[in-house]
N, C-alpha and C. Protein backbone atom coordinates (compact mmCIF):
# COMPACT_ATOMS: atom_id res chain seq x y z
N MET A 1 88.82 218.71 95.55
CA MET A 1 88.84 217.49 96.30
C MET A 1 88.29 216.37 95.42
N THR A 2 89.04 215.28 95.37
CA THR A 2 88.59 214.14 94.58
C THR A 2 88.28 212.97 95.50
N THR A 3 87.34 212.21 95.09
CA THR A 3 86.98 211.01 95.87
C THR A 3 87.18 209.79 94.99
N THR A 4 87.56 208.72 95.62
CA THR A 4 87.74 207.47 94.87
C THR A 4 86.48 206.63 95.00
N ALA A 5 86.19 205.96 93.93
CA ALA A 5 85.00 205.11 93.93
C ALA A 5 85.28 203.83 94.71
N PRO A 6 84.29 203.31 95.42
CA PRO A 6 84.51 202.05 96.13
C PRO A 6 84.69 200.90 95.13
N PRO A 7 85.42 199.85 95.52
CA PRO A 7 85.64 198.74 94.59
C PRO A 7 84.31 198.06 94.25
N ARG A 8 84.24 197.59 93.01
CA ARG A 8 83.02 196.92 92.55
C ARG A 8 82.93 195.53 93.16
N PRO A 9 81.74 195.14 93.58
CA PRO A 9 81.59 193.77 94.12
C PRO A 9 81.69 192.74 93.00
N ARG A 10 82.12 191.55 93.37
CA ARG A 10 82.23 190.48 92.38
C ARG A 10 80.85 189.99 92.00
N ASN A 11 80.71 189.61 90.76
CA ASN A 11 79.43 189.13 90.28
C ASN A 11 79.25 187.64 90.51
N ARG A 12 80.33 186.91 90.67
CA ARG A 12 80.21 185.46 90.83
C ARG A 12 80.73 185.06 92.21
N PRO A 13 80.26 183.94 92.73
CA PRO A 13 80.74 183.48 94.04
C PRO A 13 82.21 183.06 93.97
N LEU A 14 82.85 183.02 95.12
CA LEU A 14 84.27 182.68 95.17
C LEU A 14 84.52 181.22 94.83
N HIS A 15 83.63 180.32 95.26
CA HIS A 15 83.86 178.90 95.05
C HIS A 15 82.73 178.31 94.21
N THR A 16 83.06 177.93 93.01
CA THR A 16 82.08 177.26 92.16
C THR A 16 82.71 176.02 91.57
N ILE A 17 81.89 175.03 91.32
CA ILE A 17 82.36 173.83 90.63
C ILE A 17 82.15 174.07 89.15
N ALA A 18 83.24 174.18 88.42
CA ALA A 18 83.15 174.52 87.01
C ALA A 18 82.53 173.38 86.20
N ASN A 19 82.93 172.15 86.52
CA ASN A 19 82.45 171.02 85.74
C ASN A 19 82.16 169.87 86.69
N PRO A 20 80.89 169.57 86.96
CA PRO A 20 80.56 168.48 87.89
C PRO A 20 81.07 167.12 87.40
N ARG A 21 81.13 166.90 86.10
CA ARG A 21 81.62 165.63 85.57
C ARG A 21 83.10 165.45 85.89
N LYS A 22 83.86 166.52 85.80
CA LYS A 22 85.29 166.47 86.14
C LYS A 22 85.47 166.16 87.62
N SER A 23 84.64 166.76 88.46
CA SER A 23 84.71 166.51 89.90
C SER A 23 84.39 165.05 90.22
N LEU A 24 83.38 164.49 89.57
CA LEU A 24 83.02 163.09 89.78
C LEU A 24 84.14 162.16 89.31
N THR A 25 84.74 162.48 88.19
CA THR A 25 85.85 161.67 87.67
C THR A 25 87.02 161.67 88.64
N LEU A 26 87.37 162.84 89.16
CA LEU A 26 88.48 162.92 90.11
C LEU A 26 88.16 162.17 91.40
N THR A 27 86.91 162.22 91.83
CA THR A 27 86.51 161.48 93.03
C THR A 27 86.63 159.98 92.80
N LEU A 28 86.19 159.50 91.65
CA LEU A 28 86.29 158.07 91.34
C LEU A 28 87.75 157.62 91.22
N VAL A 29 88.58 158.42 90.60
CA VAL A 29 90.01 158.08 90.48
C VAL A 29 90.65 158.02 91.87
N THR A 30 90.31 158.97 92.73
CA THR A 30 90.84 158.97 94.09
C THR A 30 90.37 157.76 94.87
N ALA A 31 89.10 157.39 94.71
CA ALA A 31 88.57 156.21 95.40
C ALA A 31 89.26 154.93 94.92
N LEU A 32 89.50 154.82 93.62
CA LEU A 32 90.20 153.64 93.09
C LEU A 32 91.64 153.58 93.62
N PHE A 33 92.30 154.72 93.69
CA PHE A 33 93.66 154.75 94.21
C PHE A 33 93.69 154.37 95.69
N ALA A 34 92.71 154.84 96.46
CA ALA A 34 92.64 154.48 97.88
C ALA A 34 92.41 152.98 98.03
N LEU A 35 91.54 152.41 97.21
CA LEU A 35 91.30 150.97 97.25
C LEU A 35 92.57 150.20 96.89
N TYR A 36 93.29 150.68 95.90
CA TYR A 36 94.55 150.05 95.48
C TYR A 36 95.58 150.08 96.61
N CYS A 37 95.59 151.15 97.39
CA CYS A 37 96.55 151.27 98.50
C CYS A 37 96.13 150.46 99.72
N LEU A 38 94.83 150.34 99.96
CA LEU A 38 94.35 149.66 101.17
C LEU A 38 94.19 148.15 100.99
N LEU A 39 94.09 147.67 99.77
CA LEU A 39 93.89 146.24 99.54
C LEU A 39 95.01 145.38 100.12
N PRO A 40 96.29 145.74 100.01
CA PRO A 40 97.32 144.92 100.65
C PRO A 40 97.18 144.84 102.17
N LEU A 41 96.73 145.91 102.80
CA LEU A 41 96.53 145.88 104.25
C LEU A 41 95.38 144.96 104.63
N VAL A 42 94.32 144.97 103.84
CA VAL A 42 93.19 144.06 104.08
C VAL A 42 93.65 142.63 103.91
N TRP A 43 94.43 142.36 102.86
CA TRP A 43 94.95 141.01 102.62
C TRP A 43 95.82 140.56 103.80
N LEU A 44 96.64 141.46 104.33
CA LEU A 44 97.51 141.13 105.46
C LEU A 44 96.70 140.79 106.70
N VAL A 45 95.68 141.57 107.01
CA VAL A 45 94.86 141.32 108.20
C VAL A 45 94.10 140.01 108.06
N ILE A 46 93.53 139.75 106.89
CA ILE A 46 92.79 138.50 106.69
C ILE A 46 93.71 137.30 106.82
N ASN A 47 94.88 137.36 106.21
CA ASN A 47 95.79 136.22 106.26
C ASN A 47 96.45 136.03 107.62
N ALA A 48 96.48 137.07 108.44
CA ALA A 48 97.03 136.93 109.79
C ALA A 48 96.10 136.11 110.68
N THR A 49 94.85 135.95 110.29
CA THR A 49 93.90 135.19 111.09
C THR A 49 93.82 133.73 110.68
N LYS A 50 94.60 133.30 109.71
CA LYS A 50 94.51 131.93 109.19
C LYS A 50 95.57 131.03 109.82
N THR A 51 95.26 129.74 109.84
CA THR A 51 96.26 128.74 110.22
C THR A 51 97.12 128.45 108.99
N GLN A 52 98.22 127.73 109.19
CA GLN A 52 99.09 127.41 108.06
C GLN A 52 98.38 126.60 106.98
N PRO A 53 97.61 125.56 107.32
CA PRO A 53 96.88 124.85 106.25
C PRO A 53 95.84 125.74 105.55
N ASP A 54 95.16 126.60 106.31
CA ASP A 54 94.20 127.51 105.68
C ASP A 54 94.89 128.50 104.75
N PHE A 55 96.08 128.89 105.10
CA PHE A 55 96.83 129.86 104.32
C PHE A 55 97.13 129.34 102.92
N VAL A 56 97.42 128.05 102.81
CA VAL A 56 97.78 127.50 101.50
C VAL A 56 96.58 126.90 100.76
N THR A 57 95.45 126.68 101.43
CA THR A 57 94.31 126.05 100.75
C THR A 57 93.18 127.01 100.42
N THR A 58 93.08 128.14 101.09
CA THR A 58 91.99 129.08 100.81
C THR A 58 92.50 130.23 99.95
N PRO A 59 91.62 130.87 99.18
CA PRO A 59 92.03 132.04 98.39
C PRO A 59 92.53 133.17 99.30
N GLY A 60 93.31 134.07 98.75
CA GLY A 60 93.97 135.11 99.53
C GLY A 60 93.05 136.00 100.34
N LEU A 61 91.94 136.43 99.77
CA LEU A 61 91.05 137.34 100.48
C LEU A 61 89.88 136.63 101.15
N ALA A 62 89.88 135.31 101.14
CA ALA A 62 88.82 134.56 101.81
C ALA A 62 89.25 134.24 103.23
N PRO A 63 88.33 134.30 104.18
CA PRO A 63 88.70 133.94 105.56
C PRO A 63 88.97 132.45 105.68
N GLY A 64 89.77 132.08 106.65
CA GLY A 64 90.08 130.67 106.89
C GLY A 64 88.95 129.96 107.60
N HIS A 65 89.12 128.66 107.79
CA HIS A 65 88.09 127.86 108.45
C HIS A 65 88.07 128.09 109.95
N SER A 66 89.19 128.49 110.52
CA SER A 66 89.24 128.78 111.95
C SER A 66 89.96 130.11 112.17
N PHE A 67 89.60 130.80 113.24
CA PHE A 67 90.19 132.09 113.58
C PHE A 67 91.42 131.84 114.44
N ALA A 68 92.62 132.11 113.91
CA ALA A 68 93.85 131.78 114.61
C ALA A 68 94.74 132.99 114.86
N LEU A 69 94.17 134.17 114.94
CA LEU A 69 94.98 135.37 115.12
C LEU A 69 95.76 135.35 116.43
N LEU A 70 95.11 135.01 117.52
CA LEU A 70 95.80 135.02 118.82
C LEU A 70 96.88 133.94 118.88
N ASP A 71 96.63 132.78 118.29
CA ASP A 71 97.66 131.74 118.23
C ASP A 71 98.85 132.20 117.40
N ASN A 72 98.59 132.87 116.29
CA ASN A 72 99.68 133.35 115.44
C ASN A 72 100.51 134.42 116.14
N ILE A 73 99.86 135.31 116.87
CA ILE A 73 100.59 136.34 117.62
C ILE A 73 101.44 135.69 118.71
N GLY A 74 100.88 134.69 119.38
CA GLY A 74 101.64 133.97 120.40
C GLY A 74 102.86 133.27 119.82
N GLN A 75 102.72 132.70 118.63
CA GLN A 75 103.85 132.03 117.99
C GLN A 75 104.94 133.03 117.60
N VAL A 76 104.55 134.23 117.21
CA VAL A 76 105.54 135.25 116.86
C VAL A 76 106.38 135.62 118.07
N PHE A 77 105.73 135.80 119.22
CA PHE A 77 106.46 136.25 120.41
C PHE A 77 107.21 135.13 121.12
N THR A 78 106.89 133.86 120.83
CA THR A 78 107.62 132.75 121.46
C THR A 78 108.60 132.10 120.50
N TYR A 79 108.67 132.53 119.27
CA TYR A 79 109.56 131.93 118.28
C TYR A 79 111.02 132.16 118.68
N ASN A 80 111.79 131.08 118.68
CA ASN A 80 113.23 131.14 118.93
C ASN A 80 113.55 131.85 120.24
N GLY A 81 112.81 131.53 121.28
CA GLY A 81 113.09 132.10 122.60
C GLY A 81 112.72 133.57 122.73
N GLY A 82 111.79 134.06 121.93
CA GLY A 82 111.37 135.46 122.01
C GLY A 82 112.30 136.42 121.29
N ILE A 83 112.92 135.96 120.21
CA ILE A 83 113.88 136.80 119.49
C ILE A 83 113.21 138.02 118.86
N PHE A 84 111.93 137.91 118.53
CA PHE A 84 111.22 139.04 117.93
C PHE A 84 111.19 140.24 118.88
N VAL A 85 110.98 139.99 120.16
CA VAL A 85 110.95 141.07 121.14
C VAL A 85 112.33 141.71 121.24
N ARG A 86 113.38 140.91 121.13
CA ARG A 86 114.73 141.46 121.16
C ARG A 86 115.01 142.34 119.95
N TRP A 87 114.45 141.97 118.81
CA TRP A 87 114.65 142.77 117.60
C TRP A 87 113.95 144.11 117.70
N LEU A 88 112.87 144.15 118.47
CA LEU A 88 112.15 145.43 118.59
C LEU A 88 112.99 146.38 119.41
């Protein structure tokens, strides 16, 4: 009668970070890419709150002198007899 030996346990853990510097670099690259992707959305939201004169006189990512988001939304839905709603 022969018996088989039980499998040997692993000496190292299953999940280890081989190089912390590499992990930090990948995290920074991912954060920069996320910022690059989200910046146009931030620009869009900020500029949606500006009036027409503020839009052409203030820098792109600076807020306008007055908050006009609700007026701008109202103009979109009343433009040309509400054509935007028809397009939806």
